[in-house]
């Protein structure tokens, strides 16, 4: 899976280098310090590196670090409202994710998920 992700990112960057006139927008989220689920080591570093790389490629980047549910929802609303004015859009997330009944959720740092139903109210339905 990592090899596929690397190839996808490499192709994205290659395309971005040859489309310098395109307006580009990115939303990057790195969640690592979970209130109810411990900490992860790499997501914040990964998100910061991705943000810096995308900015270097001309992206207008919004970076969220250790975001709660409301922050993630507000950023998604802002991203959706802005995306119409851009030719290229990218969303990048590093952190915990879960799948419940075929639905993928990104886990905010303030999520308290005790069972499958709580994912619907505590996590971000991507």
C-alpha atoms as a PDB file:
ATOM      1  CA  UNK A   1       0.000   0.000   0.000  1.00  0.00           C
ATOM      2  CA  UNK A   2       2.852   2.410   0.787  1.00  0.00           C
ATOM      3  CA  UNK A   3       4.318   1.786  -2.657  1.00  0.00           C
ATOM      4  CA  UNK A   4       1.018   2.723  -4.327  1.00  0.00           C
ATOM      5  CA  UNK A   5       0.721   5.860  -2.175  1.00  0.00           C
ATOM      6  CA  UNK A   6       4.293   6.852  -3.045  1.00  0.00           C
ATOM      7  CA  UNK A   7       3.660   6.388  -6.766  1.00  0.00           C
ATOM      8  CA  UNK A   8       0.460   8.445  -6.523  1.00  0.00           C
ATOM      9  CA  UNK A   9       2.229  11.277  -4.690  1.00  0.00           C
ATOM     10  CA  UNK A  10       5.148  11.178  -7.127  1.00  0.00           C
ATOM     11  CA  UNK A  11       2.755  11.457 -10.072  1.00  0.00           C
ATOM     12  CA  UNK A  12       0.924  14.310  -8.372  1.00  0.00           C
ATOM     13  CA  UNK A  13       4.156  16.236  -7.852  1.00  0.00           C
ATOM     14  CA  UNK A  14       5.333  15.502 -11.412  1.00  0.00           C
ATOM     15  CA  UNK A  15       2.019  16.813 -12.740  1.00  0.00           C
ATOM     16  CA  UNK A  16       2.218  19.882 -10.492  1.00  0.00           C
ATOM     17  CA  UNK A  17       5.682  20.758 -11.786  1.00  0.00           C
ATOM     18  CA  UNK A  18       4.397  20.913 -15.360  1.00  0.00           C
ATOM     19  CA  UNK A  19       1.182  22.769 -14.544  1.00  0.00           C
ATOM     20  CA  UNK A  20       2.673  25.817 -12.849  1.00  0.00           C
ATOM     21  CA  UNK A  21      -0.103  28.137 -14.001  1.00  0.00           C
ATOM     22  CA  UNK A  22      -2.860  26.168 -12.256  1.00  0.00           C
ATOM     23  CA  UNK A  23      -4.315  27.565  -9.065  1.00  0.00           C
ATOM     24  CA  UNK A  24      -3.811  24.913  -6.372  1.00  0.00           C
ATOM     25  CA  UNK A  25      -5.497  24.395  -3.014  1.00  0.00           C
ATOM     26  CA  UNK A  26      -4.661  21.894  -0.278  1.00  0.00           C
ATOM     27  CA  UNK A  27      -6.049  20.952   3.107  1.00  0.00           C
ATOM     28  CA  UNK A  28      -3.514  19.057   5.219  1.00  0.00           C
ATOM     29  CA  UNK A  29      -4.344  17.556   8.628  1.00  0.00           C
ATOM     30  CA  UNK A  30      -1.958  15.789  10.992  1.00  0.00           C
ATOM     31  CA  UNK A  31      -3.484  14.267  14.135  1.00  0.00           C
ATOM     32  CA  UNK A  32      -1.218  12.604  16.681  1.00  0.00           C
ATOM     33  CA  UNK A  33      -2.130  13.562  20.268  1.00  0.00           C
ATOM     34  CA  UNK A  34      -5.442  11.828  20.960  1.00  0.00           C
ATOM     35  CA  UNK A  35      -7.163  12.759  24.206  1.00  0.00           C
ATOM     36  CA  UNK A  36      -8.758   9.314  24.571  1.00  0.00           C
ATOM     37  CA  UNK A  37      -6.462   7.149  22.471  1.00  0.00           C
ATOM     38  CA  UNK A  38      -2.801   7.868  23.113  1.00  0.00           C
ATOM     39  CA  UNK A  39      -0.323   9.431  20.736  1.00  0.00           C
ATOM     40  CA  UNK A  40       1.131   8.611  17.344  1.00  0.00           C
ATOM     41  CA  UNK A  41       4.708   9.403  16.435  1.00  0.00           C
ATOM     42  CA  UNK A  42       4.650  10.470  12.761  1.00  0.00           C
ATOM     43  CA  UNK A  43       1.433  12.217  11.637  1.00  0.00           C
ATOM     44  CA  UNK A  44       2.408  15.755  12.666  1.00  0.00           C
ATOM     45  CA  UNK A  45       5.828  15.490  11.002  1.00  0.00           C
ATOM     46  CA  UNK A  46       4.243  13.969   7.881  1.00  0.00           C
ATOM     47  CA  UNK A  47       1.621  16.718   7.674  1.00  0.00           C
ATOM     48  CA  UNK A  48       4.182  19.493   8.146  1.00  0.00           C
ATOM     49  CA  UNK A  49       6.463  18.034   5.476  1.00  0.00           C
ATOM     50  CA  UNK A  50       3.540  17.612   3.071  1.00  0.00           C
ATOM     51  CA  UNK A  51       2.419  21.176   3.745  1.00  0.00           C
ATOM     52  CA  UNK A  52       5.905  22.587   3.091  1.00  0.00           C
ATOM     53  CA  UNK A  53       6.273  20.511  -0.066  1.00  0.00           C
ATOM     54  CA  UNK A  54       2.892  21.565  -1.423  1.00  0.00           C
ATOM     55  CA  UNK A  55       3.580  25.232  -0.655  1.00  0.00           C
ATOM     56  CA  UNK A  56       6.827  24.869  -2.586  1.00  0.00           C
ATOM     57  CA  UNK A  57       4.777  23.615  -5.524  1.00  0.00           C
ATOM     58  CA  UNK A  58       2.511  26.659  -5.420  1.00  0.00           C
ATOM     59  CA  UNK A  59      -0.382  25.297  -3.372  1.00  0.00           C
ATOM     60  CA  UNK A  60      -2.436  27.529  -1.104  1.00  0.00           C
ATOM     61  CA  UNK A  61      -2.245  25.266   1.976  1.00  0.00           C
ATOM     62  CA  UNK A  62      -4.351  25.133   5.109  1.00  0.00           C
ATOM     63  CA  UNK A  63      -2.548  23.069   7.761  1.00  0.00           C
ATOM     64  CA  UNK A  64      -4.269  21.705  10.865  1.00  0.00           C
ATOM     65  CA  UNK A  65      -2.274  20.010  13.612  1.00  0.00           C
ATOM     66  CA  UNK A  66      -4.009  17.916  16.291  1.00  0.00           C
ATOM     67  CA  UNK A  67      -7.444  19.050  15.196  1.00  0.00           C
ATOM     68  CA  UNK A  68     -10.694  18.405  17.011  1.00  0.00           C
ATOM     69  CA  UNK A  69     -13.931  17.533  15.249  1.00  0.00           C
ATOM     70  CA  UNK A  70     -15.214  21.132  14.985  1.00  0.00           C
ATOM     71  CA  UNK A  71     -11.897  22.331  13.561  1.00  0.00           C
ATOM     72  CA  UNK A  72     -11.915  19.540  10.971  1.00  0.00           C
ATOM     73  CA  UNK A  73     -15.522  20.268  10.016  1.00  0.00           C
ATOM     74  CA  UNK A  74     -14.886  24.018   9.706  1.00  0.00           C
ATOM     75  CA  UNK A  75     -11.761  23.451   7.614  1.00  0.00           C
ATOM     76  CA  UNK A  76     -13.680  21.092   5.311  1.00  0.00           C
ATOM     77  CA  UNK A  77     -16.435  23.690   4.860  1.00  0.00           C
ATOM     78  CA  UNK A  78     -13.881  26.392   4.070  1.00  0.00           C
ATOM     79  CA  UNK A  79     -12.019  24.052   1.685  1.00  0.00           C
ATOM     80  CA  UNK A  80     -15.263  23.143  -0.105  1.00  0.00           C
ATOM     81  CA  UNK A  81     -16.233  26.796  -0.477  1.00  0.00           C
ATOM     82  CA  UNK A  82     -12.802  27.734  -1.868  1.00  0.00           C
ATOM     83  CA  UNK A  83     -12.251  24.761  -4.176  1.00  0.00           C
ATOM     84  CA  UNK A  84     -14.479  26.168  -6.928  1.00  0.00           C
ATOM     85  CA  UNK A  85     -11.885  28.876  -7.568  1.00  0.00           C
ATOM     86  CA  UNK A  86      -8.998  26.416  -8.055  1.00  0.00           C
ATOM     87  CA  UNK A  87      -7.974  24.048 -10.843  1.00  0.00           C
ATOM     88  CA  UNK A  88      -6.211  21.537  -8.565  1.00  0.00           C
ATOM     89  CA  UNK A  89      -7.297  20.463  -5.083  1.00  0.00           C
ATOM     90  CA  UNK A  90      -5.680  18.029  -2.673  1.00  0.00           C
ATOM     91  CA  UNK A  91      -6.672  16.700   0.735  1.00  0.00           C
ATOM     92  CA  UNK A  92      -4.068  14.964   2.900  1.00  0.00           C
ATOM     93  CA  UNK A  93      -4.679  13.361   6.284  1.00  0.00           C
ATOM     94  CA  UNK A  94      -2.266  11.643   8.643  1.00  0.00           C
ATOM     95  CA  UNK A  95      -3.639  10.081  11.815  1.00  0.00           C
ATOM     96  CA  UNK A  96      -6.102   7.457  12.991  1.00  0.00           C
ATOM     97  CA  UNK A  97      -8.947   6.395  10.764  1.00  0.00           C
ATOM     98  CA  UNK A  98     -11.663   3.785  11.156  1.00  0.00           C
ATOM     99  CA  UNK A  99     -14.208   2.099   8.950  1.00  0.00           C
ATOM    100  CA  UNK A 100     -17.644   1.332  10.348  1.00  0.00           C
ATOM    101  CA  UNK A 101     -20.242  -0.447   8.217  1.00  0.00           C
ATOM    102  CA  UNK A 102     -18.388   0.489   5.042  1.00  0.00           C
ATOM    103  CA  UNK A 103     -18.081   4.181   5.945  1.00  0.00           C
ATOM    104  CA  UNK A 104     -14.622   5.700   6.427  1.00  0.00           C
ATOM    105  CA  UNK A 105     -14.063   8.119   9.291  1.00  0.00           C
ATOM    106  CA  UNK A 106     -11.073  10.270  10.189  1.00  0.00           C
ATOM    107  CA  UNK A 107     -10.559  10.398  13.943  1.00  0.00           C
ATOM    108  CA  UNK A 108     -10.236  13.865  15.524  1.00  0.00           C
ATOM    109  CA  UNK A 109      -7.996  14.217  18.567  1.00  0.00           C
ATOM    110  CA  UNK A 110     -10.992  14.913  20.835  1.00  0.00           C
ATOM    111  CA  UNK A 111     -13.036  11.870  19.736  1.00  0.00           C
ATOM    112  CA  UNK A 112     -14.411   9.559  22.409  1.00  0.00           C
ATOM    113  CA  UNK A 113     -15.467   6.434  20.587  1.00  0.00           C
ATOM    114  CA  UNK A 114     -16.777   3.691  22.809  1.00  0.00           C
ATOM    115  CA  UNK A 115     -18.587   1.720  20.115  1.00  0.00           C
ATOM    116  CA  UNK A 116     -19.423   1.692  16.395  1.00  0.00           C
ATOM    117  CA  UNK A 117     -22.337   4.117  16.771  1.00  0.00           C
ATOM    118  CA  UNK A 118     -20.177   6.770  18.424  1.00  0.00           C
ATOM    119  CA  UNK A 119     -18.054   7.045  15.246  1.00  0.00           C
ATOM    120  CA  UNK A 120     -21.047   8.673  13.553  1.00  0.00           C
ATOM    121  CA  UNK A 121     -21.053  11.509  16.106  1.00  0.00           C
ATOM    122  CA  UNK A 122     -17.426  11.700  17.241  1.00  0.00           C
ATOM    123  CA  UNK A 123     -15.454  11.190  14.008  1.00  0.00           C
ATOM    124  CA  UNK A 124     -15.284  12.965  10.660  1.00  0.00           C
ATOM    125  CA  UNK A 125     -17.164  11.145   7.882  1.00  0.00           C
ATOM    126  CA  UNK A 126     -14.914  11.505   4.890  1.00  0.00           C
END
